[in-house]
Amino acid sequence: MKKMKTVLTAILFTLLMAMNLYAFDAITELTIPNSTSQSLGLPVGLPYATVEQTDIACPGSRTGVRMVVTPNSAILVPVPTGGSYGVQEFGFNYLNTNSDCTGDHSDLTINGPTQWQIKYDQNLSDFGIFLVDDSGKGSNRQDPLTIDICADCGNLTPANFLVTNDTGYVFAVHIAPFTYGNPPLTLSSSFFATQNQTLIELSYFTATVKHKKIMIKWKTESETDNAGFNLKRAESESGEYVQINSSLISAKGSDTEGSTYVYNDRDIQAGKTYYYILEDVELDGDINSNGPILATPKKVK
């Protein structure tokens, strides 16, 4: 029986790879330093850290969310100390409108690093949930910080955590210790936060070989301030990606509803592998990339 389960798992994995499914992935940049950081000379607008959200399996066949918080060590240069460089605190909010859920933190099972404490409703920067390094001297800072979150009441998606506080921030992160600039400013620590939430919730992004074409399909769960999409193609994963749609693919979704999109790429050759990136273009011109995915039309024997 165990052998049969292993075989079935392998078959399922192979099928998913053949479908070339791009799993949901939301990435949010933490860019805006607080007033203390600005007074220390850190400029507004740089990507000081990222929060990447991906789906995970939870008990009861439910779906949860993994958050990976990564400081940008190319900007915030680690300082060698007796402790460790990385994330020391991380704050976020939670909301679930599922009727089986209360919509507050009592729904959640949160698994973070050891020696970290979870605080609720502490009014720390107006976030309902704060995870804090509880080692006392920053010796258990994380680079990156990984948190797995499940709920007994139903499935979770990144949208459940893209909830702004009263000042419009979605996440807050405390990073220490680092230097910035040249000549370097030596800073002990600083908070950074988001200014806007991730705008596109992407359910899937696939490329399927059909007769004399590659069908590229994607689906969104919601779209906020989305102008539309561009598709770019390359002949190697690290090659030059060239836009293949002649004009912007207009957005069809809204804040509360997503939509499904299909694009057929007919300018292809059998036996070649093609890589695709999907760009969502915001109303203010900002661009977010998804992918790459790939497809290889077979040669006719």
C-alpha atoms as a PDB file:
ATOM      1  CA  MET A   1       0.000   0.000   0.000  1.00  0.00           C
ATOM      2  CA  LYS A   2       2.818   2.401   0.918  1.00  0.00           C
ATOM      3  CA  LYS A   3       4.558   1.597  -2.382  1.00  0.00           C
ATOM      4  CA  MET A   4       1.350   2.327  -4.298  1.00  0.00           C
ATOM      5  CA  LYS A   5       1.027   5.731  -2.565  1.00  0.00           C
ATOM      6  CA  THR A   6       4.616   6.549  -3.497  1.00  0.00           C
ATOM      7  CA  VAL A   7       3.958   5.642  -7.136  1.00  0.00           C
ATOM      8  CA  LEU A   8       0.756   7.707  -7.218  1.00  0.00           C
ATOM      9  CA  THR A   9       2.590  10.672  -5.691  1.00  0.00           C
ATOM     10  CA  ALA A  10       5.302  10.413  -8.325  1.00  0.00           C
ATOM     11  CA  ILE A  11       2.692  10.247 -11.107  1.00  0.00           C
ATOM     12  CA  LEU A  12       0.857  13.280  -9.734  1.00  0.00           C
ATOM     13  CA  PHE A  13       4.118  15.259  -9.506  1.00  0.00           C
ATOM     14  CA  THR A  14       4.980  14.318 -13.103  1.00  0.00           C
ATOM     15  CA  LEU A  15       1.544  15.434 -14.306  1.00  0.00           C
ATOM     16  CA  LEU A  16       1.856  18.765 -12.527  1.00  0.00           C
ATOM     17  CA  MET A  17       5.270  19.323 -14.094  1.00  0.00           C
ATOM     18  CA  ALA A  18       3.877  18.430 -17.516  1.00  0.00           C
ATOM     19  CA  MET A  19       1.082  20.969 -17.035  1.00  0.00           C
ATOM     20  CA  ASN A  20       3.807  23.502 -16.208  1.00  0.00           C
ATOM     21  CA  LEU A  21       1.680  25.019 -13.468  1.00  0.00           C
ATOM     22  CA  TYR A  22       2.890  28.255 -11.934  1.00  0.00           C
ATOM     23  CA  ALA A  23       1.761  28.138  -8.306  1.00  0.00           C
ATOM     24  CA  PHE A  24       0.313  31.216  -6.661  1.00  0.00           C
ATOM     25  CA  ASP A  25       3.062  33.506  -5.493  1.00  0.00           C
ATOM     26  CA  ALA A  26       2.647  36.983  -4.008  1.00  0.00           C
ATOM     27  CA  ILE A  27       5.676  39.184  -3.386  1.00  0.00           C
ATOM     28  CA  THR A  28       5.502  42.455  -1.473  1.00  0.00           C
ATOM     29  CA  GLU A  29       8.401  44.888  -1.112  1.00  0.00           C
ATOM     30  CA  LEU A  30       9.032  46.622   2.210  1.00  0.00           C
ATOM     31  CA  THR A  31      10.333  49.984   1.196  1.00  0.00           C
ATOM     32  CA  ILE A  32       9.233  52.872   3.388  1.00  0.00           C
ATOM     33  CA  PRO A  33      11.348  53.497   6.490  1.00  0.00           C
ATOM     34  CA  ASN A  34       9.672  55.009   9.525  1.00  0.00           C
ATOM     35  CA  SER A  35      10.414  58.571  10.627  1.00  0.00           C
ATOM     36  CA  THR A  36      13.343  57.452  12.778  1.00  0.00           C
ATOM     37  CA  SER A  37      14.936  55.695   9.808  1.00  0.00           C
ATOM     38  CA  GLN A  38      14.520  58.754   7.597  1.00  0.00           C
ATOM     39  CA  SER A  39      16.213  60.951  10.193  1.00  0.00           C
ATOM     40  CA  LEU A  40      19.158  58.557  10.126  1.00  0.00           C
ATOM     41  CA  GLY A  41      19.637  59.128   6.391  1.00  0.00           C
ATOM     42  CA  LEU A  42      17.872  56.156   4.782  1.00  0.00           C
ATOM     43  CA  PRO A  43      16.077  57.220   1.577  1.00  0.00           C
ATOM     44  CA  VAL A  44      12.412  56.467   0.913  1.00  0.00           C
ATOM     45  CA  GLY A  45      11.530  54.005  -1.846  1.00  0.00           C
ATOM     46  CA  LEU A  46      14.330  51.446  -1.869  1.00  0.00           C
ATOM     47  CA  PRO A  47      13.416  47.729  -1.557  1.00  0.00           C
ATOM     48  CA  TYR A  48      14.831  47.125   1.910  1.00  0.00           C
ATOM     49  CA  ALA A  49      13.168  43.715   2.249  1.00  0.00           C
ATOM     50  CA  THR A  50      10.567  41.463   0.599  1.00  0.00           C
ATOM     51  CA  VAL A  51       7.706  39.346   1.881  1.00  0.00           C
ATOM     52  CA  GLU A  52       6.997  36.361  -0.380  1.00  0.00           C
ATOM     53  CA  GLN A  53       3.778  34.405   0.184  1.00  0.00           C
ATOM     54  CA  THR A  54       3.225  30.921  -1.234  1.00  0.00           C
ATOM     55  CA  ASP A  55       0.622  28.250  -0.581  1.00  0.00           C
ATOM     56  CA  ILE A  56       1.326  25.207   1.630  1.00  0.00           C
ATOM     57  CA  ALA A  57      -0.558  22.050   2.576  1.00  0.00           C
ATOM     58  CA  CYS A  58      -2.270  22.079   5.977  1.00  0.00           C
ATOM     59  CA  PRO A  59      -4.038  19.348   8.007  1.00  0.00           C
ATOM     60  CA  GLY A  60      -7.474  18.342   6.768  1.00  0.00           C
ATOM     61  CA  SER A  61      -6.556  18.910   3.093  1.00  0.00           C
ATOM     62  CA  ARG A  62      -6.653  22.645   3.677  1.00  0.00           C
ATOM     63  CA  THR A  63      -4.392  25.245   2.100  1.00  0.00           C
ATOM     64  CA  GLY A  64      -2.319  27.618   4.182  1.00  0.00           C
ATOM     65  CA  VAL A  65       0.251  30.328   3.563  1.00  0.00           C
ATOM     66  CA  ARG A  66       4.018  30.412   3.981  1.00  0.00           C
ATOM     67  CA  MET A  67       5.574  33.849   4.454  1.00  0.00           C
ATOM     68  CA  VAL A  68       9.286  34.307   3.763  1.00  0.00           C
ATOM     69  CA  VAL A  69      10.669  37.682   4.879  1.00  0.00           C
ATOM     70  CA  THR A  70      14.073  38.438   3.347  1.00  0.00           C
ATOM     71  CA  PRO A  71      16.196  41.508   4.190  1.00  0.00           C
ATOM     72  CA  ASN A  72      17.952  43.048   1.186  1.00  0.00           C
ATOM     73  CA  SER A  73      21.578  42.645   2.230  1.00  0.00           C
ATOM     74  CA  ALA A  74      22.715  44.389  -0.968  1.00  0.00           C
ATOM     75  CA  ILE A  75      21.311  47.632   0.488  1.00  0.00           C
ATOM     76  CA  LEU A  76      21.387  46.957   4.228  1.00  0.00           C
ATOM     77  CA  VAL A  77      24.925  45.571   4.582  1.00  0.00           C
ATOM     78  CA  PRO A  78      25.196  43.175   7.544  1.00  0.00           C
ATOM     79  CA  VAL A  79      27.370  44.241  10.466  1.00  0.00           C
ATOM     80  CA  PRO A  80      29.372  41.415  12.061  1.00  0.00           C
ATOM     81  CA  THR A  81      28.447  41.395  15.746  1.00  0.00           C
ATOM     82  CA  GLY A  82      28.052  38.990  18.607  1.00  0.00           C
ATOM     83  CA  GLY A  83      24.439  38.505  17.548  1.00  0.00           C
ATOM     84  CA  SER A  84      23.199  37.872  14.033  1.00  0.00           C
ATOM     85  CA  TYR A  85      21.974  39.941  11.083  1.00  0.00           C
ATOM     86  CA  GLY A  86      18.377  39.594   9.957  1.00  0.00           C
ATOM     87  CA  VAL A  87      14.740  40.047  10.895  1.00  0.00           C
ATOM     88  CA  GLN A  88      14.105  40.710  14.578  1.00  0.00           C
ATOM     89  CA  GLU A  89      10.376  41.489  14.485  1.00  0.00           C
ATOM     90  CA  PHE A  90       7.641  41.074  11.879  1.00  0.00           C
ATOM     91  CA  GLY A  91       4.104  42.449  12.039  1.00  0.00           C
ATOM     92  CA  PHE A  92       0.991  41.841   9.951  1.00  0.00           C
ATOM     93  CA  ASN A  93      -2.793  41.759  10.105  1.00  0.00           C
ATOM     94  CA  TYR A  94      -5.297  38.992   9.311  1.00  0.00           C
ATOM     95  CA  LEU A  95      -8.867  38.978   8.045  1.00  0.00           C
ATOM     96  CA  ASN A  96     -10.984  36.063   6.824  1.00  0.00           C
ATOM     97  CA  THR A  97     -14.577  36.579   5.659  1.00  0.00           C
ATOM     98  CA  ASN A  98     -15.267  32.820   5.503  1.00  0.00           C
ATOM     99  CA  SER A  99     -18.408  32.254   7.578  1.00  0.00           C
ATOM    100  CA  ASP A 100     -16.694  29.345   9.369  1.00  0.00           C
ATOM    101  CA  CYS A 101     -13.903  31.637  10.587  1.00  0.00           C
ATOM    102  CA  THR A 102     -13.980  34.282  13.290  1.00  0.00           C
ATOM    103  CA  GLY A 103     -11.755  36.532  11.177  1.00  0.00           C
ATOM    104  CA  ASP A 104      -9.256  37.152  13.979  1.00  0.00           C
ATOM    105  CA  HIS A 105      -6.023  35.530  15.132  1.00  0.00           C
ATOM    106  CA  SER A 106      -7.852  32.818  17.094  1.00  0.00           C
ATOM    107  CA  ASP A 107      -8.381  31.062  13.727  1.00  0.00           C
ATOM    108  CA  LEU A 108      -4.684  30.637  13.121  1.00  0.00           C
ATOM    109  CA  THR A 109      -1.950  28.151  13.885  1.00  0.00           C
ATOM    110  CA  ILE A 110       1.369  29.984  13.361  1.00  0.00           C
ATOM    111  CA  ASN A 111       4.672  28.118  13.201  1.00  0.00           C
ATOM    112  CA  GLY A 112       7.779  30.304  13.289  1.00  0.00           C
ATOM    113  CA  PRO A 113      11.357  29.915  14.489  1.00  0.00           C
ATOM    114  CA  THR A 114      12.195  28.667  17.957  1.00  0.00           C
ATOM    115  CA  GLN A 115      12.908  31.384  20.551  1.00  0.00           C
ATOM    116  CA  TRP A 116      10.367  33.628  18.831  1.00  0.00           C
ATOM    117  CA  GLN A 117       7.313  34.919  20.643  1.00  0.00           C
ATOM    118  CA  ILE A 118       3.937  35.609  19.023  1.00  0.00           C
ATOM    119  CA  LYS A 119       2.176  38.719  20.319  1.00  0.00           C
ATOM    120  CA  TYR A 120      -1.430  39.595  19.597  1.00  0.00           C
ATOM    121  CA  ASP A 121      -3.183  42.978  19.666  1.00  0.00           C
ATOM    122  CA  GLN A 122      -0.236  44.681  21.340  1.00  0.00           C
ATOM    123  CA  ASN A 123      -0.801  47.917  19.404  1.00  0.00           C
ATOM    124  CA  LEU A 124       2.726  47.637  18.000  1.00  0.00           C
ATOM    125  CA  SER A 125       2.514  49.832  14.897  1.00  0.00           C
ATOM    126  CA  ASP A 126      -1.213  48.968  14.780  1.00  0.00           C
ATOM    127  CA  PHE A 127      -0.650  45.376  13.665  1.00  0.00           C
ATOM    128  CA  GLY A 128      -2.763  42.620  15.196  1.00  0.00           C
ATOM    129  CA  ILE A 129      -0.020  39.966  15.037  1.00  0.00           C
ATOM    130  CA  PHE A 130       3.648  40.499  15.806  1.00  0.00           C
ATOM    131  CA  LEU A 131       6.389  37.865  15.833  1.00  0.00           C
ATOM    132  CA  VAL A 132       9.398  38.832  17.914  1.00  0.00           C
ATOM    133  CA  ASP A 133      12.850  37.288  18.433  1.00  0.00           C
ATOM    134  CA  ASP A 134      12.663  36.359  22.104  1.00  0.00           C
ATOM    135  CA  SER A 135      16.335  35.445  22.570  1.00  0.00           C
ATOM    136  CA  GLY A 136      17.034  38.745  24.344  1.00  0.00           C
ATOM    137  CA  LYS A 137      20.109  39.917  22.399  1.00  0.00           C
ATOM    138  CA  GLY A 138      19.120  39.370  18.790  1.00  0.00           C
ATOM    139  CA  SER A 139      21.046  36.101  18.623  1.00  0.00           C
ATOM    140  CA  ASN A 140      18.128  34.400  16.870  1.00  0.00           C
ATOM    141  CA  ARG A 141      17.476  36.958  14.127  1.00  0.00           C
ATOM    142  CA  GLN A 142      16.420  35.305  10.884  1.00  0.00           C
ATOM    143  CA  ASP A 143      17.690  35.782   7.313  1.00  0.00           C
ATOM    144  CA  PRO A 144      15.255  34.890   5.915  1.00  0.00           C
ATOM    145  CA  LEU A 145      12.394  34.604   8.397  1.00  0.00           C
ATOM    146  CA  THR A 146       9.982  31.774   7.453  1.00  0.00           C
ATOM    147  CA  ILE A 147       6.484  31.478   8.944  1.00  0.00           C
ATOM    148  CA  ASP A 148       3.868  28.795   8.154  1.00  0.00           C
ATOM    149  CA  ILE A 149       0.226  29.664   8.871  1.00  0.00           C
ATOM    150  CA  CYS A 150      -2.804  27.345   8.814  1.00  0.00           C
ATOM    151  CA  ALA A 151      -6.422  27.717   9.935  1.00  0.00           C
ATOM    152  CA  ASP A 152      -8.756  25.019  11.267  1.00  0.00           C
ATOM    153  CA  CYS A 153     -11.770  26.861   9.871  1.00  0.00           C
ATOM    154  CA  GLY A 154     -10.857  26.751   6.164  1.00  0.00           C
ATOM    155  CA  ASN A 155      -8.324  27.594   3.489  1.00  0.00           C
ATOM    156  CA  LEU A 156      -6.016  30.597   3.644  1.00  0.00           C
ATOM    157  CA  THR A 157      -4.690  32.689   0.765  1.00  0.00           C
ATOM    158  CA  PRO A 158      -2.229  35.601   0.721  1.00  0.00           C
ATOM    159  CA  ALA A 159      -5.240  37.918   0.415  1.00  0.00           C
ATOM    160  CA  ASN A 160      -6.120  37.075   4.042  1.00  0.00           C
ATOM    161  CA  PHE A 161      -2.926  38.843   5.112  1.00  0.00           C
ATOM    162  CA  LEU A 162      -2.875  41.765   2.680  1.00  0.00           C
ATOM    163  CA  VAL A 163      -4.767  43.838   5.245  1.00  0.00           C
ATOM    164  CA  THR A 164      -3.715  47.433   5.854  1.00  0.00           C
ATOM    165  CA  ASN A 165      -3.423  49.059   9.246  1.00  0.00           C
ATOM    166  CA  ASP A 166      -4.690  52.564  10.010  1.00  0.00           C
ATOM    167  CA  THR A 167      -1.692  54.165   8.315  1.00  0.00           C
ATOM    168  CA  GLY A 168      -2.012  52.099   5.122  1.00  0.00           C
ATOM    169  CA  TYR A 169       0.786  49.573   5.776  1.00  0.00           C
ATOM    170  CA  VAL A 170       0.385  45.837   5.140  1.00  0.00           C
ATOM    171  CA  PHE A 171       3.572  44.493   6.762  1.00  0.00           C
ATOM    172  CA  ALA A 172       6.269  45.860   9.059  1.00  0.00           C
ATOM    173  CA  VAL A 173       9.720  44.391   9.584  1.00  0.00           C
ATOM    174  CA  HIS A 174      12.481  45.215  12.073  1.00  0.00           C
ATOM    175  CA  ILE A 175      15.979  44.519  10.688  1.00  0.00           C
ATOM    176  CA  ALA A 176      19.305  44.707  12.551  1.00  0.00           C
ATOM    177  CA  PRO A 177      22.249  45.385  12.521  1.00  0.00           C
ATOM    178  CA  PHE A 178      23.479  46.909   9.246  1.00  0.00           C
ATOM    179  CA  THR A 179      25.285  49.757   7.524  1.00  0.00           C
ATOM    180  CA  TYR A 180      24.039  51.797   4.589  1.00  0.00           C
ATOM    181  CA  GLY A 181      25.759  53.832   1.892  1.00  0.00           C
ATOM    182  CA  ASN A 182      29.323  54.805   1.020  1.00  0.00           C
ATOM    183  CA  PRO A 183      30.809  56.111   3.230  1.00  0.00           C
ATOM    184  CA  PRO A 184      28.665  53.829   5.378  1.00  0.00           C
ATOM    185  CA  LEU A 185      26.137  54.993   7.942  1.00  0.00           C
ATOM    186  CA  THR A 186      26.326  52.554  10.840  1.00  0.00           C
ATOM    187  CA  LEU A 187      22.839  51.827  12.154  1.00  0.00           C
ATOM    188  CA  SER A 188      21.839  49.533  14.966  1.00  0.00           C
ATOM    189  CA  SER A 189      18.384  48.684  13.603  1.00  0.00           C
ATOM    190  CA  SER A 190      15.337  50.062  11.819  1.00  0.00           C
ATOM    191  CA  PHE A 191      11.721  49.318  10.945  1.00  0.00           C
ATOM    192  CA  PHE A 192      10.512  49.144   7.349  1.00  0.00           C
ATOM    193  CA  ALA A 193       6.974  48.779   6.039  1.00  0.00           C
ATOM    194  CA  THR A 194       4.903  48.453   2.895  1.00  0.00           C
ATOM    195  CA  GLN A 195       3.050  51.372   1.403  1.00  0.00           C
ATOM    196  CA  ASN A 196       0.736  49.394  -0.876  1.00  0.00           C
ATOM    197  CA  GLN A 197      -0.531  45.841  -0.876  1.00  0.00           C
ATOM    198  CA  THR A 198       0.185  43.371  -3.653  1.00  0.00           C
ATOM    199  CA  LEU A 199      -2.252  44.259  -6.423  1.00  0.00           C
ATOM    200  CA  ILE A 200      -2.699  41.009  -8.365  1.00  0.00           C
ATOM    201  CA  GLU A 201      -3.743  37.674  -6.884  1.00  0.00           C
ATOM    202  CA  LEU A 202      -2.636  35.134  -9.480  1.00  0.00           C
ATOM    203  CA  SER A 203      -4.222  31.671  -9.220  1.00  0.00           C
ATOM    204  CA  TYR A 204      -2.306  30.036 -12.039  1.00  0.00           C
ATOM    205  CA  PHE A 205      -0.129  30.737 -15.079  1.00  0.00           C
ATOM    206  CA  THR A 206       0.318  27.877 -17.597  1.00  0.00           C
ATOM    207  CA  ALA A 207       1.717  27.217 -21.072  1.00  0.00           C
ATOM    208  CA  THR A 208       0.259  24.253 -23.004  1.00  0.00           C
ATOM    209  CA  VAL A 209       1.324  22.990 -26.426  1.00  0.00           C
ATOM    210  CA  LYS A 210      -1.636  22.779 -28.817  1.00  0.00           C
ATOM    211  CA  HIS A 211      -1.757  22.167 -32.594  1.00  0.00           C
ATOM    212  CA  LYS A 212       0.758  24.631 -34.126  1.00  0.00           C
ATOM    213  CA  LYS A 213       0.538  26.964 -31.130  1.00  0.00           C
ATOM    214  CA  ILE A 214       1.328  27.381 -27.438  1.00  0.00           C
ATOM    215  CA  MET A 215      -1.725  28.376 -25.397  1.00  0.00           C
ATOM    216  CA  ILE A 216      -0.802  30.603 -22.453  1.00  0.00           C
ATOM    217  CA  LYS A 217      -3.494  30.849 -19.818  1.00  0.00           C
ATOM    218  CA  TRP A 218      -3.682  32.634 -16.487  1.00  0.00           C
ATOM    219  CA  LYS A 219      -6.334  33.353 -13.908  1.00  0.00           C
ATOM    220  CA  THR A 220      -6.550  36.065 -11.258  1.00  0.00           C
ATOM    221  CA  GLU A 221      -8.561  35.979  -8.036  1.00  0.00           C
ATOM    222  CA  SER A 222      -8.681  39.774  -7.758  1.00  0.00           C
ATOM    223  CA  GLU A 223      -7.126  42.815  -9.432  1.00  0.00           C
ATOM    224  CA  THR A 224      -6.583  46.183  -7.760  1.00  0.00           C
ATOM    225  CA  ASP A 225      -5.576  49.207  -9.875  1.00  0.00           C
ATOM    226  CA  ASN A 226      -4.589  46.856 -12.702  1.00  0.00           C
ATOM    227  CA  ALA A 227      -4.254  48.349 -16.196  1.00  0.00           C
ATOM    228  CA  GLY A 228      -3.516  45.042 -17.913  1.00  0.00           C
ATOM    229  CA  PHE A 229      -0.873  42.486 -18.845  1.00  0.00           C
ATOM    230  CA  ASN A 230       2.096  41.962 -21.152  1.00  0.00           C
ATOM    231  CA  LEU A 231       3.587  38.618 -22.162  1.00  0.00           C
ATOM    232  CA  LYS A 232       7.305  38.302 -22.803  1.00  0.00           C
ATOM    233  CA  ARG A 233       9.118  35.347 -24.368  1.00  0.00           C
ATOM    234  CA  ALA A 234      12.718  34.106 -24.480  1.00  0.00           C
ATOM    235  CA  GLU A 235      14.469  31.032 -25.869  1.00  0.00           C
ATOM    236  CA  SER A 236      16.398  30.386 -22.657  1.00  0.00           C
ATOM    237  CA  GLU A 237      15.479  31.008 -19.023  1.00  0.00           C
ATOM    238  CA  SER A 238      18.177  33.659 -18.637  1.00  0.00           C
ATOM    239  CA  GLY A 239      17.852  35.000 -22.183  1.00  0.00           C
ATOM    240  CA  GLU A 240      16.379  38.255 -23.437  1.00  0.00           C
ATOM    241  CA  TYR A 241      12.596  38.393 -22.967  1.00  0.00           C
ATOM    242  CA  VAL A 242      10.762  40.140 -25.810  1.00  0.00           C
ATOM    243  CA  GLN A 243       7.127  41.246 -25.605  1.00  0.00           C
ATOM    244  CA  ILE A 244       4.902  39.169 -27.920  1.00  0.00           C
ATOM    245  CA  ASN A 245       1.540  40.909 -27.496  1.00  0.00           C
ATOM    246  CA  SER A 246       1.189  43.896 -29.840  1.00  0.00           C
ATOM    247  CA  SER A 247      -0.727  45.987 -27.292  1.00  0.00           C
ATOM    248  CA  LEU A 248      -1.533  45.824 -23.579  1.00  0.00           C
ATOM    249  CA  ILE A 249      -3.920  42.987 -22.714  1.00  0.00           C
ATOM    250  CA  SER A 250      -6.651  44.936 -20.931  1.00  0.00           C
ATOM    251  CA  ALA A 251      -7.565  44.039 -17.359  1.00  0.00           C
ATOM    252  CA  LYS A 252     -10.970  42.411 -16.868  1.00  0.00           C
ATOM    253  CA  GLY A 253     -10.927  41.861 -13.099  1.00  0.00           C
ATOM    254  CA  SER A 254     -11.737  44.093 -10.134  1.00  0.00           C
ATOM    255  CA  ASP A 255     -10.927  44.517  -6.429  1.00  0.00           C
ATOM    256  CA  THR A 256     -13.316  41.694  -5.556  1.00  0.00           C
ATOM    257  CA  GLU A 257     -13.355  39.492  -8.669  1.00  0.00           C
ATOM    258  CA  GLY A 258     -10.691  38.053 -10.912  1.00  0.00           C
ATOM    259  CA  SER A 259     -10.815  36.849 -14.490  1.00  0.00           C
ATOM    260  CA  THR A 260      -9.340  34.271 -16.876  1.00  0.00           C
ATOM    261  CA  TYR A 261      -7.064  35.217 -19.777  1.00  0.00           C
ATOM    262  CA  VAL A 262      -5.858  33.244 -22.823  1.00  0.00           C
ATOM    263  CA  TYR A 263      -3.154  34.139 -25.340  1.00  0.00           C
ATOM    264  CA  ASN A 264      -2.166  31.899 -28.270  1.00  0.00           C
ATOM    265  CA  ASP A 265       1.457  32.124 -29.388  1.00  0.00           C
ATOM    266  CA  ARG A 266       1.594  30.897 -33.007  1.00  0.00           C
ATOM    267  CA  ASP A 267       5.058  32.189 -33.904  1.00  0.00           C
ATOM    268  CA  ILE A 268       6.806  29.013 -32.785  1.00  0.00           C
ATOM    269  CA  GLN A 269       9.026  26.235 -34.129  1.00  0.00           C
ATOM    270  CA  ALA A 270       8.782  22.529 -33.324  1.00  0.00           C
ATOM    271  CA  GLY A 271      11.547  21.249 -31.049  1.00  0.00           C
ATOM    272  CA  LYS A 272      12.335  24.652 -29.554  1.00  0.00           C
ATOM    273  CA  THR A 273      11.751  25.472 -25.907  1.00  0.00           C
ATOM    274  CA  TYR A 274      10.091  28.805 -25.139  1.00  0.00           C
ATOM    275  CA  TYR A 275      10.066  30.615 -21.794  1.00  0.00           C
ATOM    276  CA  TYR A 276       7.333  33.079 -20.829  1.00  0.00           C
ATOM    277  CA  ILE A 277       7.037  35.854 -18.267  1.00  0.00           C
ATOM    278  CA  LEU A 278       3.725  37.517 -17.422  1.00  0.00           C
ATOM    279  CA  GLU A 279       3.873  41.178 -16.432  1.00  0.00           C
ATOM    280  CA  ASP A 280       0.946  42.876 -14.703  1.00  0.00           C
ATOM    281  CA  VAL A 281       0.975  46.613 -15.273  1.00  0.00           C
ATOM    282  CA  GLU A 282      -0.512  48.868 -12.605  1.00  0.00           C
ATOM    283  CA  LEU A 283      -2.404  52.081 -13.355  1.00  0.00           C
ATOM    284  CA  ASP A 284       0.551  54.113 -12.076  1.00  0.00           C
ATOM    285  CA  GLY A 285       2.910  52.289 -14.472  1.00  0.00           C
ATOM    286  CA  ASP A 286       4.567  49.953 -11.942  1.00  0.00           C
ATOM    287  CA  ILE A 287       5.240  46.456 -13.315  1.00  0.00           C
ATOM    288  CA  ASN A 288       5.246  43.108 -11.474  1.00  0.00           C
ATOM    289  CA  SER A 289       6.607  39.935 -13.109  1.00  0.00           C
ATOM    290  CA  ASN A 290       5.411  36.317 -12.785  1.00  0.00           C
ATOM    291  CA  GLY A 291       7.192  33.228 -14.067  1.00  0.00           C
ATOM    292  CA  PRO A 292       8.981  32.110 -16.082  1.00  0.00           C
ATOM    293  CA  ILE A 293       7.102  29.058 -17.366  1.00  0.00           C
ATOM    294  CA  LEU A 294       8.107  27.006 -20.395  1.00  0.00           C
ATOM    295  CA  ALA A 295       6.731  24.859 -23.210  1.00  0.00           C
ATOM    296  CA  THR A 296       8.359  22.808 -26.006  1.00  0.00           C
ATOM    297  CA  PRO A 297       6.398  21.988 -29.197  1.00  0.00           C
ATOM    298  CA  LYS A 298       7.242  18.449 -30.342  1.00  0.00           C
ATOM    299  CA  LYS A 299       8.771  17.694 -33.707  1.00  0.00           C
ATOM    300  CA  VAL A 300       6.556  15.719 -36.057  1.00  0.00           C
ATOM    301  CA  LYS A 301       8.223  12.378 -36.861  1.00  0.00           C
END
